[in-house]
Amino acid sequence: MFIHLTKAKHWQIFFILFVIPCSIHFLSFRFLVGSPPFLNRQMLDYHITYISPFIVLYFLSSLMLWFRTVGILLQRSIPIELRLNIKRFQFFIFIPIAYGLYLEGVLFQLTGISFFAPSFEHHPIKIFLYILPFHLCALYGILHTIFFVAKTIKTAELQRQVYFKECIITFFLLYFLPIGIWFIQPKINRIIHILPSSSQAINHNLLLLDDDNFEV
């Protein structure tokens, strides 16, 4: 599965990350909620409470899986002394997903469904204060993940130590992924293509890399 994500074409990754969730959102909203001025308010609440969080979690999980696959697998094409800290990367990559789950719990609480979020009593300031720390942690996790992947791609491409200014373009292409994916994925395909290993060997080494602790 991992090797397939790195060998996939740009349009395939775009389809998985953006077309599928956008299609689910559009079709579910169109057929369940309707269109103005004939909105079904009850189904609108259902869509906001159940379907929208599912779409967000699907997008976050798919995006983080793609980031994780690229960030770990491309380490094989980097000299050992230049490989990055994978364990720290894998810690930060799950923070946005945990944040998404927490927001879903908050949404359930606000709609009267008790979950793992605290009681807010619909107080805006209280909601803001509870969400802000988790939001900042998730933001840092996303930025750390994007920079790690950008540095990994650039290091694998240049086969030497790279600096921040050399990763800026790749960083912003990853940040604005709906556009950047059309430039980033072909570059990943070229790097993977020159790896002198079979798919089975690559997947085996991917598992081995999970247990290593490379330094930046």
N, C-alpha and C. Protein backbone atom coordinates (compact mmCIF):
# COMPACT_ATOMS: atom_id res chain seq x y z
N MET A 1 0.83 -1.21 0.00
CA MET A 1 0.00 0.00 0.00
C MET A 1 0.86 1.26 0.00
N PHE A 2 1.94 1.26 0.82
CA PHE A 2 2.78 2.44 0.93
C PHE A 2 3.45 2.77 -0.39
N ILE A 3 4.00 1.73 -1.04
CA ILE A 3 4.70 1.97 -2.29
C ILE A 3 3.74 2.44 -3.37
N HIS A 4 2.48 2.01 -3.30
CA HIS A 4 1.50 2.43 -4.29
C HIS A 4 1.22 3.93 -4.17
N LEU A 5 1.22 4.47 -2.96
CA LEU A 5 0.98 5.90 -2.78
C LEU A 5 2.09 6.74 -3.38
N THR A 6 3.32 6.28 -3.28
CA THR A 6 4.43 7.05 -3.83
C THR A 6 4.56 6.86 -5.34
N LYS A 7 4.06 5.74 -5.85
CA LYS A 7 4.11 5.50 -7.29
C LYS A 7 2.87 6.01 -8.02
N ALA A 8 1.86 6.43 -7.26
CA ALA A 8 0.62 6.91 -7.87
C ALA A 8 0.87 8.19 -8.65
N LYS A 9 0.06 8.44 -9.67
CA LYS A 9 0.13 9.66 -10.46
C LYS A 9 -0.46 10.82 -9.67
N HIS A 10 -0.13 12.03 -10.12
CA HIS A 10 -0.62 13.21 -9.41
C HIS A 10 -2.14 13.28 -9.39
N TRP A 11 -2.78 12.90 -10.49
CA TRP A 11 -4.24 12.98 -10.54
C TRP A 11 -4.89 11.94 -9.63
N GLN A 12 -4.21 10.83 -9.40
CA GLN A 12 -4.76 9.82 -8.49
C GLN A 12 -4.73 10.31 -7.05
N ILE A 13 -3.62 10.94 -6.64
CA ILE A 13 -3.54 11.50 -5.29
C ILE A 13 -4.55 12.63 -5.13
N PHE A 14 -4.68 13.45 -6.17
CA PHE A 14 -5.65 14.55 -6.13
C PHE A 14 -7.07 14.00 -5.98
N PHE A 15 -7.35 12.91 -6.66
CA PHE A 15 -8.67 12.29 -6.59
C PHE A 15 -8.95 11.77 -5.18
N ILE A 16 -7.96 11.11 -4.57
CA ILE A 16 -8.14 10.55 -3.23
C ILE A 16 -8.30 11.65 -2.19
N LEU A 17 -7.47 12.68 -2.27
CA LEU A 17 -7.43 13.71 -1.24
C LEU A 17 -8.53 14.75 -1.37
N PHE A 18 -8.95 15.05 -2.60
CA PHE A 18 -9.85 16.18 -2.79
C PHE A 18 -11.17 15.83 -3.49
N VAL A 19 -11.09 15.04 -4.56
CA VAL A 19 -12.31 14.76 -5.32
C VAL A 19 -13.30 13.94 -4.49
N ILE A 20 -12.80 12.89 -3.81
CA ILE A 20 -13.70 12.03 -3.03
C ILE A 20 -14.39 12.80 -1.91
N PRO A 21 -13.67 13.50 -1.02
CA PRO A 21 -14.38 14.21 0.06
C PRO A 21 -15.29 15.32 -0.45
N CYS A 22 -14.86 16.04 -1.47
CA CYS A 22 -15.70 17.11 -2.02
C CYS A 22 -16.97 16.53 -2.65
N SER A 23 -16.84 15.40 -3.31
CA SER A 23 -18.01 14.75 -3.92
C SER A 23 -18.98 14.27 -2.85
N ILE A 24 -18.45 13.66 -1.77
CA ILE A 24 -19.32 13.21 -0.68
C ILE A 24 -20.06 14.39 -0.07
N HIS A 25 -19.34 15.49 0.14
CA HIS A 25 -19.96 16.68 0.72
C HIS A 25 -21.05 17.22 -0.20
N PHE A 26 -20.75 17.37 -1.48
CA PHE A 26 -21.71 17.96 -2.41
C PHE A 26 -22.95 17.08 -2.56
N LEU A 27 -22.74 15.79 -2.77
CA LEU A 27 -23.87 14.89 -3.02
C LEU A 27 -24.73 14.72 -1.77
N SER A 28 -24.09 14.56 -0.60
CA SER A 28 -24.86 14.40 0.63
C SER A 28 -25.65 15.67 0.94
N PHE A 29 -25.05 16.82 0.72
CA PHE A 29 -25.74 18.08 0.98
C PHE A 29 -26.89 18.27 0.00
N ARG A 30 -26.63 17.91 -1.25
CA ARG A 30 -27.65 18.11 -2.30
C ARG A 30 -28.86 17.23 -2.08
N PHE A 31 -28.65 15.96 -1.72
CA PHE A 31 -29.76 15.03 -1.63
C PHE A 31 -30.40 14.96 -0.25
N LEU A 32 -29.62 15.31 0.81
CA LEU A 32 -30.17 15.27 2.15
C LEU A 32 -30.74 16.60 2.59
N VAL A 33 -30.00 17.66 2.31
CA VAL A 33 -30.38 18.99 2.80
C VAL A 33 -31.21 19.75 1.78
N GLY A 34 -30.90 19.59 0.50
CA GLY A 34 -31.59 20.32 -0.54
C GLY A 34 -30.85 21.59 -0.91
N SER A 35 -31.53 22.50 -1.54
CA SER A 35 -30.93 23.75 -1.96
C SER A 35 -31.86 24.90 -1.60
N PRO A 36 -31.32 26.10 -1.36
CA PRO A 36 -32.16 27.25 -1.00
C PRO A 36 -33.19 27.51 -2.11
N PRO A 37 -34.40 27.92 -1.73
CA PRO A 37 -34.89 28.20 -0.37
C PRO A 37 -35.57 26.99 0.27
N PHE A 38 -35.32 25.80 -0.25
CA PHE A 38 -35.99 24.59 0.24
C PHE A 38 -35.03 23.74 1.07
N LEU A 39 -34.43 24.34 2.10
CA LEU A 39 -33.50 23.62 2.95
C LEU A 39 -34.25 22.83 4.02
N ASN A 40 -33.83 21.61 4.21
CA ASN A 40 -34.35 20.77 5.28
C ASN A 40 -33.50 21.02 6.52
N ARG A 41 -34.01 21.79 7.46
CA ARG A 41 -33.22 22.20 8.62
C ARG A 41 -32.79 21.00 9.47
N GLN A 42 -33.67 20.03 9.59
CA GLN A 42 -33.32 18.86 10.39
C GLN A 42 -32.18 18.08 9.76
N MET A 43 -32.23 17.90 8.44
CA MET A 43 -31.15 17.20 7.75
C MET A 43 -29.88 18.05 7.69
N LEU A 44 -30.04 19.37 7.72
CA LEU A 44 -28.86 20.25 7.77
C LEU A 44 -28.10 20.02 9.07
N ASP A 45 -28.83 19.93 10.19
CA ASP A 45 -28.19 19.65 11.48
C ASP A 45 -27.52 18.27 11.45
N TYR A 46 -28.18 17.31 10.83
CA TYR A 46 -27.61 15.96 10.72
C TYR A 46 -26.33 15.98 9.90
N HIS A 47 -26.35 16.76 8.82
CA HIS A 47 -25.18 16.85 7.95
C HIS A 47 -24.01 17.48 8.69
N ILE A 48 -24.28 18.56 9.42
CA ILE A 48 -23.22 19.26 10.15
C ILE A 48 -22.66 18.39 11.27
N THR A 49 -23.54 17.64 11.94
CA THR A 49 -23.13 16.86 13.10
C THR A 49 -22.40 15.58 12.74
N TYR A 50 -22.83 14.89 11.69
CA TYR A 50 -22.32 13.56 11.40
C TYR A 50 -21.50 13.48 10.11
N ILE A 51 -22.02 14.02 9.03
CA ILE A 51 -21.35 13.83 7.74
C ILE A 51 -20.13 14.73 7.60
N SER A 52 -20.25 16.00 7.97
CA SER A 52 -19.12 16.93 7.84
C SER A 52 -17.91 16.48 8.66
N PRO A 53 -18.07 16.07 9.93
CA PRO A 53 -16.90 15.56 10.67
C PRO A 53 -16.27 14.34 10.02
N PHE A 54 -17.11 13.45 9.46
CA PHE A 54 -16.56 12.29 8.77
C PHE A 54 -15.71 12.71 7.57
N ILE A 55 -16.17 13.70 6.82
CA ILE A 55 -15.43 14.18 5.65
C ILE A 55 -14.09 14.78 6.09
N VAL A 56 -14.12 15.58 7.16
CA VAL A 56 -12.90 16.20 7.66
C VAL A 56 -11.91 15.14 8.14
N LEU A 57 -12.39 14.15 8.87
CA LEU A 57 -11.52 13.09 9.36
C LEU A 57 -10.97 12.25 8.21
N TYR A 58 -11.78 12.01 7.20
CA TYR A 58 -11.30 11.27 6.02
C TYR A 58 -10.17 12.06 5.34
N PHE A 59 -10.38 13.36 5.17
CA PHE A 59 -9.36 14.18 4.51
C PHE A 59 -8.08 14.22 5.33
N LEU A 60 -8.20 14.48 6.64
CA LEU A 60 -7.02 14.56 7.49
C LEU A 60 -6.26 13.23 7.52
N SER A 61 -7.00 12.13 7.65
CA SER A 61 -6.36 10.82 7.72
C SER A 61 -5.65 10.48 6.41
N SER A 62 -6.30 10.76 5.29
CA SER A 62 -5.70 10.47 3.98
C SER A 62 -4.47 11.35 3.75
N LEU A 63 -4.59 12.62 4.11
CA LEU A 63 -3.47 13.55 3.93
C LEU A 63 -2.27 13.14 4.78
N MET A 64 -2.52 12.83 6.07
CA MET A 64 -1.44 12.44 6.95
C MET A 64 -0.82 11.10 6.55
N LEU A 65 -1.63 10.19 6.01
CA LEU A 65 -1.10 8.92 5.52
C LEU A 65 -0.17 9.15 4.34
N TRP A 66 -0.56 10.05 3.45
CA TRP A 66 0.30 10.37 2.29
C TRP A 66 1.59 11.04 2.76
N PHE A 67 1.47 12.00 3.69
CA PHE A 67 2.66 12.66 4.24
C PHE A 67 3.58 11.63 4.90
N ARG A 68 3.00 10.74 5.70
CA ARG A 68 3.80 9.74 6.41
C ARG A 68 4.52 8.82 5.43
N THR A 69 3.81 8.39 4.41
CA THR A 69 4.40 7.49 3.42
C THR A 69 5.57 8.15 2.71
N VAL A 70 5.38 9.38 2.27
CA VAL A 70 6.45 10.10 1.57
C VAL A 70 7.61 10.37 2.52
N GLY A 71 7.29 10.86 3.72
CA GLY A 71 8.33 11.23 4.67
C GLY A 71 9.20 10.07 5.12
N ILE A 72 8.60 8.87 5.22
CA ILE A 72 9.35 7.70 5.68
C ILE A 72 10.02 6.98 4.52
N LEU A 73 9.27 6.74 3.46
CA LEU A 73 9.81 5.93 2.36
C LEU A 73 11.00 6.59 1.67
N LEU A 74 10.95 7.91 1.51
CA LEU A 74 12.04 8.58 0.82
C LEU A 74 13.33 8.61 1.64
N GLN A 75 13.26 8.24 2.92
CA GLN A 75 14.49 8.16 3.71
C GLN A 75 15.46 7.14 3.12
N ARG A 76 14.93 6.14 2.42
CA ARG A 76 15.80 5.12 1.82
C ARG A 76 16.71 5.67 0.75
N SER A 77 16.27 6.77 0.14
CA SER A 77 17.08 7.36 -0.93
C SER A 77 18.04 8.42 -0.41
N ILE A 78 18.08 8.60 0.91
CA ILE A 78 18.94 9.61 1.53
C ILE A 78 20.11 8.91 2.22
N PRO A 79 21.33 9.43 2.10
CA PRO A 79 22.46 8.85 2.84
C PRO A 79 22.16 8.77 4.33
N ILE A 80 22.64 7.73 4.98
CA ILE A 80 22.31 7.46 6.38
C ILE A 80 22.60 8.65 7.28
N GLU A 81 23.72 9.32 7.04
CA GLU A 81 24.10 10.43 7.92
C GLU A 81 23.20 11.65 7.76
N LEU A 82 22.37 11.68 6.71
CA LEU A 82 21.49 12.82 6.47
C LEU A 82 20.02 12.52 6.78
N ARG A 83 19.73 11.29 7.17
CA ARG A 83 18.33 10.93 7.43
C ARG A 83 17.76 11.68 8.63
N LEU A 84 16.45 11.92 8.58
CA LEU A 84 15.80 12.77 9.56
C LEU A 84 15.18 11.94 10.69
N ASN A 85 14.72 12.64 11.72
CA ASN A 85 14.17 12.00 12.91
C ASN A 85 12.75 11.51 12.64
N ILE A 86 12.61 10.24 12.37
CA ILE A 86 11.31 9.68 11.98
C ILE A 86 10.36 9.58 13.16
N LYS A 87 10.87 9.22 14.34
CA LYS A 87 9.98 9.06 15.49
C LYS A 87 9.31 10.37 15.86
N ARG A 88 10.05 11.45 15.84
CA ARG A 88 9.45 12.75 16.15
C ARG A 88 8.43 13.13 15.07
N PHE A 89 8.76 12.82 13.82
CA PHE A 89 7.85 13.08 12.71
C PHE A 89 6.53 12.34 12.90
N GLN A 90 6.61 11.06 13.28
CA GLN A 90 5.40 10.26 13.43
C GLN A 90 4.58 10.70 14.64
N PHE A 91 5.21 11.30 15.63
CA PHE A 91 4.47 11.84 16.77
C PHE A 91 3.64 13.05 16.34
N PHE A 92 4.28 13.98 15.65
CA PHE A 92 3.59 15.21 15.26
C PHE A 92 2.54 14.97 14.19
N ILE A 93 2.70 13.93 13.40
CA ILE A 93 1.78 13.71 12.29
C ILE A 93 0.39 13.27 12.77
N PHE A 94 0.31 12.72 13.98
CA PHE A 94 -0.98 12.26 14.49
C PHE A 94 -1.69 13.34 15.31
N ILE A 95 -1.02 14.45 15.59
CA ILE A 95 -1.66 15.52 16.36
C ILE A 95 -2.85 16.11 15.62
N PRO A 96 -2.75 16.44 14.31
CA PRO A 96 -3.93 16.98 13.61
C PRO A 96 -5.12 16.02 13.60
N ILE A 97 -4.85 14.71 13.51
CA ILE A 97 -5.94 13.74 13.53
C ILE A 97 -6.61 13.72 14.90
N ALA A 98 -5.80 13.76 15.96
CA ALA A 98 -6.35 13.82 17.32
C ALA A 98 -7.17 15.10 17.51
N TYR A 99 -6.69 16.20 16.93
CA TYR A 99 -7.42 17.47 17.01
C TYR A 99 -8.76 17.36 16.29
N GLY A 100 -8.77 16.69 15.14
CA GLY A 100 -10.02 16.49 14.42
C GLY A 100 -11.02 15.69 15.23
N LEU A 101 -10.55 14.66 15.92
CA LEU A 101 -11.42 13.87 16.79
C LEU A 101 -11.96 14.71 17.94
N TYR A 102 -11.09 15.56 18.49
CA TYR A 102 -11.52 16.42 19.59
C TYR A 102 -12.59 17.41 19.12
N LEU A 103 -12.41 18.00 17.94
CA LEU A 103 -13.41 18.93 17.42
C LEU A 103 -14.74 18.24 17.18
N GLU A 104 -14.66 16.99 16.74
CA GLU A 104 -15.90 16.24 16.55
C GLU A 104 -16.60 16.04 17.89
N GLY A 105 -15.83 15.77 18.94
CA GLY A 105 -16.41 15.65 20.27
C GLY A 105 -17.03 16.95 20.74
N VAL A 106 -16.37 18.08 20.44
CA VAL A 106 -16.93 19.39 20.78
C VAL A 106 -18.24 19.61 20.05
N LEU A 107 -18.27 19.25 18.78
CA LEU A 107 -19.48 19.42 17.98
C LEU A 107 -20.61 18.56 18.52
N PHE A 108 -20.31 17.34 18.91
CA PHE A 108 -21.32 16.47 19.50
C PHE A 108 -21.87 17.08 20.79
N GLN A 109 -20.96 17.67 21.59
CA GLN A 109 -21.39 18.27 22.85
C GLN A 109 -22.31 19.45 22.61
N LEU A 110 -21.97 20.27 21.62
CA LEU A 110 -22.78 21.45 21.32
C LEU A 110 -24.15 21.09 20.78
N THR A 111 -24.25 19.91 20.15
CA THR A 111 -25.53 19.48 19.60
C THR A 111 -26.28 18.57 20.57
N GLY A 112 -25.79 18.48 21.82
CA GLY A 112 -26.50 17.75 22.84
C GLY A 112 -26.13 16.29 22.96
N ILE A 113 -25.07 15.86 22.26
CA ILE A 113 -24.64 14.47 22.33
C ILE A 113 -23.38 14.40 23.18
N SER A 114 -23.47 13.85 24.36
CA SER A 114 -22.33 13.79 25.27
C SER A 114 -21.28 12.83 24.72
N PHE A 115 -20.04 13.33 24.57
CA PHE A 115 -18.96 12.50 24.06
C PHE A 115 -17.77 12.72 24.97
N PHE A 116 -16.56 12.91 24.43
CA PHE A 116 -15.40 13.08 25.30
C PHE A 116 -15.04 14.54 25.50
N ALA A 117 -15.82 15.46 24.93
CA ALA A 117 -15.55 16.89 25.13
C ALA A 117 -16.23 17.37 26.40
N PRO A 118 -15.69 18.41 27.05
CA PRO A 118 -16.32 18.93 28.26
C PRO A 118 -17.60 19.69 27.94
N SER A 119 -18.37 19.98 28.96
CA SER A 119 -19.62 20.71 28.78
C SER A 119 -19.31 22.19 28.59
N PHE A 120 -19.86 22.78 27.51
CA PHE A 120 -19.57 24.18 27.20
C PHE A 120 -20.75 25.10 27.51
N GLU A 121 -21.94 24.56 27.56
CA GLU A 121 -23.14 25.33 27.80
C GLU A 121 -23.28 26.45 26.77
N HIS A 122 -22.76 26.19 25.56
CA HIS A 122 -22.89 27.13 24.44
C HIS A 122 -22.32 28.51 24.76
N HIS A 123 -21.26 28.54 25.54
CA HIS A 123 -20.61 29.81 25.88
C HIS A 123 -19.44 30.03 24.93
N PRO A 124 -19.49 31.06 24.06
CA PRO A 124 -18.46 31.24 23.03
C PRO A 124 -17.06 31.38 23.58
N ILE A 125 -16.89 32.14 24.66
CA ILE A 125 -15.55 32.34 25.22
C ILE A 125 -15.00 31.03 25.76
N LYS A 126 -15.86 30.26 26.42
CA LYS A 126 -15.42 28.99 26.98
C LYS A 126 -15.02 28.02 25.87
N ILE A 127 -15.82 28.00 24.80
CA ILE A 127 -15.49 27.15 23.65
C ILE A 127 -14.14 27.55 23.06
N PHE A 128 -13.94 28.86 22.89
CA PHE A 128 -12.68 29.36 22.31
C PHE A 128 -11.49 28.98 23.17
N LEU A 129 -11.61 29.14 24.49
CA LEU A 129 -10.49 28.84 25.38
C LEU A 129 -10.16 27.35 25.42
N TYR A 130 -11.16 26.50 25.25
CA TYR A 130 -10.91 25.06 25.23
C TYR A 130 -10.26 24.62 23.92
N ILE A 131 -10.69 25.24 22.83
CA ILE A 131 -10.22 24.81 21.51
C ILE A 131 -8.85 25.39 21.18
N LEU A 132 -8.57 26.61 21.62
CA LEU A 132 -7.35 27.32 21.21
C LEU A 132 -6.06 26.53 21.44
N PRO A 133 -5.81 25.96 22.64
CA PRO A 133 -4.55 25.22 22.83
C PRO A 133 -4.41 24.03 21.87
N PHE A 134 -5.52 23.30 21.68
CA PHE A 134 -5.48 22.16 20.77
C PHE A 134 -5.28 22.62 19.34
N HIS A 135 -5.88 23.76 18.99
CA HIS A 135 -5.73 24.29 17.64
C HIS A 135 -4.29 24.68 17.36
N LEU A 136 -3.65 25.33 18.33
CA LEU A 136 -2.26 25.73 18.16
C LEU A 136 -1.34 24.51 18.06
N CYS A 137 -1.61 23.49 18.87
CA CYS A 137 -0.81 22.26 18.79
C CYS A 137 -0.98 21.59 17.43
N ALA A 138 -2.22 21.55 16.94
CA ALA A 138 -2.48 20.94 15.63
C ALA A 138 -1.81 21.73 14.52
N LEU A 139 -1.85 23.07 14.64
CA LEU A 139 -1.20 23.91 13.64
C LEU A 139 0.30 23.66 13.60
N TYR A 140 0.92 23.56 14.78
CA TYR A 140 2.35 23.27 14.83
C TYR A 140 2.64 21.88 14.25
N GLY A 141 1.79 20.92 14.58
CA GLY A 141 1.97 19.57 14.05
C GLY A 141 1.91 19.54 12.53
N ILE A 142 0.97 20.29 11.96
CA ILE A 142 0.84 20.33 10.50
C ILE A 142 2.05 21.00 9.87
N LEU A 143 2.48 22.13 10.44
CA LEU A 143 3.63 22.84 9.88
C LEU A 143 4.90 22.01 10.00
N HIS A 144 5.08 21.33 11.13
CA HIS A 144 6.24 20.46 11.32
C HIS A 144 6.22 19.32 10.29
N THR A 145 5.05 18.74 10.08
CA THR A 145 4.92 17.63 9.12
C THR A 145 5.24 18.09 7.71
N ILE A 146 4.70 19.24 7.33
CA ILE A 146 4.93 19.75 5.98
C ILE A 146 6.40 20.05 5.77
N PHE A 147 7.03 20.69 6.76
CA PHE A 147 8.45 21.01 6.60
C PHE A 147 9.30 19.74 6.56
N PHE A 148 8.97 18.75 7.38
CA PHE A 148 9.70 17.49 7.36
C PHE A 148 9.63 16.84 5.98
N VAL A 149 8.43 16.78 5.41
CA VAL A 149 8.26 16.17 4.09
C VAL A 149 8.99 16.98 3.03
N ALA A 150 8.89 18.31 3.11
CA ALA A 150 9.58 19.16 2.15
C ALA A 150 11.09 18.96 2.22
N LYS A 151 11.63 18.90 3.43
CA LYS A 151 13.08 18.70 3.60
C LYS A 151 13.50 17.31 3.14
N THR A 152 12.65 16.31 3.38
CA THR A 152 12.94 14.95 2.93
C THR A 152 13.01 14.89 1.42
N ILE A 153 12.03 15.49 0.75
CA ILE A 153 12.00 15.48 -0.72
C ILE A 153 13.22 16.19 -1.29
N LYS A 154 13.54 17.34 -0.72
CA LYS A 154 14.68 18.12 -1.23
C LYS A 154 16.01 17.40 -0.97
N THR A 155 16.14 16.78 0.21
CA THR A 155 17.37 16.05 0.53
C THR A 155 17.52 14.84 -0.39
N ALA A 156 16.42 14.13 -0.63
CA ALA A 156 16.46 12.97 -1.53
C ALA A 156 16.78 13.40 -2.96
N GLU A 157 16.37 14.58 -3.32
CA GLU A 157 16.61 15.08 -4.67
C GLU A 157 18.05 15.53 -4.86
N LEU A 158 18.60 16.25 -3.87
CA LEU A 158 19.93 16.82 -4.00
C LEU A 158 21.03 15.93 -3.43
N GLN A 159 20.67 14.95 -2.59
CA GLN A 159 21.64 14.03 -1.98
C GLN A 159 22.71 14.76 -1.17
N ARG A 160 22.28 15.78 -0.44
CA ARG A 160 23.17 16.51 0.46
C ARG A 160 22.33 17.21 1.50
N GLN A 161 23.00 17.78 2.50
CA GLN A 161 22.27 18.53 3.52
C GLN A 161 21.65 19.78 2.89
N VAL A 162 20.40 20.02 3.19
CA VAL A 162 19.71 21.18 2.62
C VAL A 162 19.35 22.14 3.74
N TYR A 163 19.15 23.40 3.36
CA TYR A 163 18.83 24.44 4.32
C TYR A 163 17.42 24.95 4.08
N PHE A 164 16.93 25.73 5.04
CA PHE A 164 15.54 26.17 5.01
C PHE A 164 15.18 26.87 3.70
N LYS A 165 16.03 27.76 3.25
CA LYS A 165 15.71 28.53 2.05
C LYS A 165 15.60 27.64 0.82
N GLU A 166 16.26 26.50 0.83
CA GLU A 166 16.18 25.58 -0.30
C GLU A 166 14.87 24.79 -0.31
N CYS A 167 14.19 24.75 0.85
CA CYS A 167 12.95 23.97 0.97
C CYS A 167 11.70 24.85 0.86
N ILE A 168 11.89 26.17 0.73
CA ILE A 168 10.74 27.08 0.78
C ILE A 168 9.70 26.75 -0.29
N ILE A 169 10.15 26.60 -1.53
CA ILE A 169 9.20 26.35 -2.63
C ILE A 169 8.45 25.05 -2.42
N THR A 170 9.19 23.99 -2.07
CA THR A 170 8.54 22.70 -1.81
C THR A 170 7.59 22.80 -0.64
N PHE A 171 7.97 23.56 0.39
CA PHE A 171 7.11 23.74 1.56
C PHE A 171 5.77 24.36 1.16
N PHE A 172 5.81 25.42 0.39
CA PHE A 172 4.58 26.10 0.00
C PHE A 172 3.76 25.29 -1.00
N LEU A 173 4.42 24.49 -1.83
CA LEU A 173 3.68 23.60 -2.71
C LEU A 173 2.92 22.55 -1.90
N LEU A 174 3.53 22.07 -0.82
CA LEU A 174 2.85 21.12 0.06
C LEU A 174 1.76 21.80 0.87
N TYR A 175 1.99 23.05 1.25
CA TYR A 175 0.99 23.79 2.04
C TYR A 175 -0.26 24.06 1.22
N PHE A 176 -0.05 24.45 -0.05
CA PHE A 176 -1.18 24.67 -0.96
C PHE A 176 -1.31 23.44 -1.86
N LEU A 177 -1.65 22.33 -1.22
CA LEU A 177 -1.55 21.02 -1.87
C LEU A 177 -2.46 20.83 -3.08
N PRO A 178 -3.67 21.40 -3.11
CA PRO A 178 -4.48 21.19 -4.32
C PRO A 178 -3.77 21.62 -5.61
N ILE A 179 -2.91 22.63 -5.49
CA ILE A 179 -2.10 23.06 -6.64
C ILE A 179 -0.75 22.34 -6.63
N GLY A 180 -0.14 22.27 -5.46
CA GLY A 180 1.20 21.72 -5.35
C GLY A 180 1.32 20.25 -5.69
N ILE A 181 0.23 19.50 -5.51
CA ILE A 181 0.29 18.05 -5.75
C ILE A 181 0.66 17.75 -7.20
N TRP A 182 0.32 18.65 -8.12
CA TRP A 182 0.60 18.42 -9.54
C TRP A 182 2.08 18.60 -9.85
N PHE A 183 2.83 19.22 -8.94
CA PHE A 183 4.27 19.40 -9.10
C PHE A 183 5.06 18.46 -8.19
N ILE A 184 4.52 18.20 -6.99
CA ILE A 184 5.24 17.40 -6.00
C ILE A 184 5.23 15.92 -6.35
N GLN A 185 4.08 15.37 -6.69
CA GLN A 185 3.97 13.94 -6.92
C GLN A 185 4.84 13.44 -8.08
N PRO A 186 4.92 14.15 -9.22
CA PRO A 186 5.85 13.70 -10.28
C PRO A 186 7.30 13.66 -9.80
N LYS A 187 7.68 14.61 -8.94
CA LYS A 187 9.04 14.60 -8.40
C LYS A 187 9.26 13.39 -7.51
N ILE A 188 8.26 13.04 -6.70
CA ILE A 188 8.33 11.84 -5.86
C ILE A 188 8.43 10.59 -6.74
N ASN A 189 7.66 10.56 -7.82
CA ASN A 189 7.71 9.42 -8.75
C ASN A 189 9.10 9.22 -9.31
N ARG A 190 9.77 10.32 -9.66
CA ARG A 190 11.12 10.22 -10.23
C ARG A 190 12.12 9.72 -9.18
N ILE A 191 11.99 10.19 -7.94
CA ILE A 191 12.89 9.75 -6.88
C ILE A 191 12.69 8.25 -6.60
N ILE A 192 11.44 7.82 -6.50
CA ILE A 192 11.14 6.41 -6.24
C ILE A 192 11.60 5.54 -7.39
N HIS A 193 11.51 6.05 -8.61
CA HIS A 193 11.86 5.26 -9.80
C HIS A 193 13.34 4.88 -9.83
N ILE A 194 14.18 5.75 -9.26
CA ILE A 194 15.62 5.47 -9.32
C ILE A 194 16.10 4.64 -8.14
N LEU A 195 15.20 4.31 -7.18
CA LEU A 195 15.62 3.47 -6.06
C LEU A 195 15.92 2.07 -6.57
N PRO A 196 17.09 1.54 -6.29
CA PRO A 196 17.49 0.23 -6.82
C PRO A 196 16.96 -0.93 -5.99
N SER A 197 15.63 -0.97 -5.77
CA SER A 197 15.04 -2.04 -4.98
C SER A 197 13.69 -2.40 -5.53
N SER A 198 13.28 -3.59 -5.22
CA SER A 198 11.95 -4.03 -5.61
C SER A 198 10.93 -3.45 -4.65
N SER A 199 9.64 -3.55 -5.02
CA SER A 199 8.58 -3.04 -4.16
C SER A 199 8.56 -3.77 -2.83
N GLN A 200 8.82 -5.06 -2.84
CA GLN A 200 8.82 -5.84 -1.61
C GLN A 200 9.93 -5.38 -0.69
N ALA A 201 11.09 -5.12 -1.24
CA ALA A 201 12.21 -4.65 -0.42
C ALA A 201 11.93 -3.28 0.15
N ILE A 202 11.27 -2.44 -0.64
CA ILE A 202 10.96 -1.10 -0.17
C ILE A 202 9.99 -1.16 1.01
N ASN A 203 8.94 -1.97 0.88
CA ASN A 203 7.98 -2.09 1.96
C ASN A 203 8.64 -2.68 3.21
N HIS A 204 9.57 -3.63 3.02
CA HIS A 204 10.28 -4.22 4.17
C HIS A 204 11.11 -3.16 4.87
N ASN A 205 11.82 -2.35 4.10
CA ASN A 205 12.65 -1.30 4.69
C ASN A 205 11.81 -0.21 5.32
N LEU A 206 10.60 -0.01 4.80
CA LEU A 206 9.70 0.98 5.40
C LEU A 206 9.36 0.58 6.82
N LEU A 207 9.13 -0.71 7.03
CA LEU A 207 8.85 -1.21 8.38
C LEU A 207 10.08 -1.07 9.27
N LEU A 208 11.26 -1.31 8.71
CA LEU A 208 12.48 -1.18 9.50
C LEU A 208 12.73 0.27 9.90
N LEU A 209 12.41 1.20 9.01
CA LEU A 209 12.63 2.60 9.31
C LEU A 209 11.78 3.07 10.47
N ASP A 210 10.63 2.44 10.68
CA ASP A 210 9.76 2.83 11.77
C ASP A 210 10.45 2.63 13.12
N ASP A 211 11.38 1.69 13.19
CA ASP A 211 12.02 1.38 14.45
C ASP A 211 13.33 2.14 14.66
N ASP A 212 13.72 2.90 13.66
CA ASP A 212 14.97 3.65 13.75
C ASP A 212 14.70 5.05 14.29
N ASN A 213 15.74 5.68 14.81
CA ASN A 213 15.62 7.03 15.30
C ASN A 213 16.71 7.87 14.68
N PHE A 214 16.47 8.37 13.49
CA PHE A 214 17.46 9.15 12.78
C PHE A 214 17.44 10.59 13.29
N GLU A 215 18.60 11.18 13.30
CA GLU A 215 18.71 12.55 13.76
C GLU A 215 18.69 13.52 12.58
N VAL A 216 18.21 14.73 12.87
CA VAL A 216 18.17 15.75 11.83
C VAL A 216 19.59 16.19 11.49
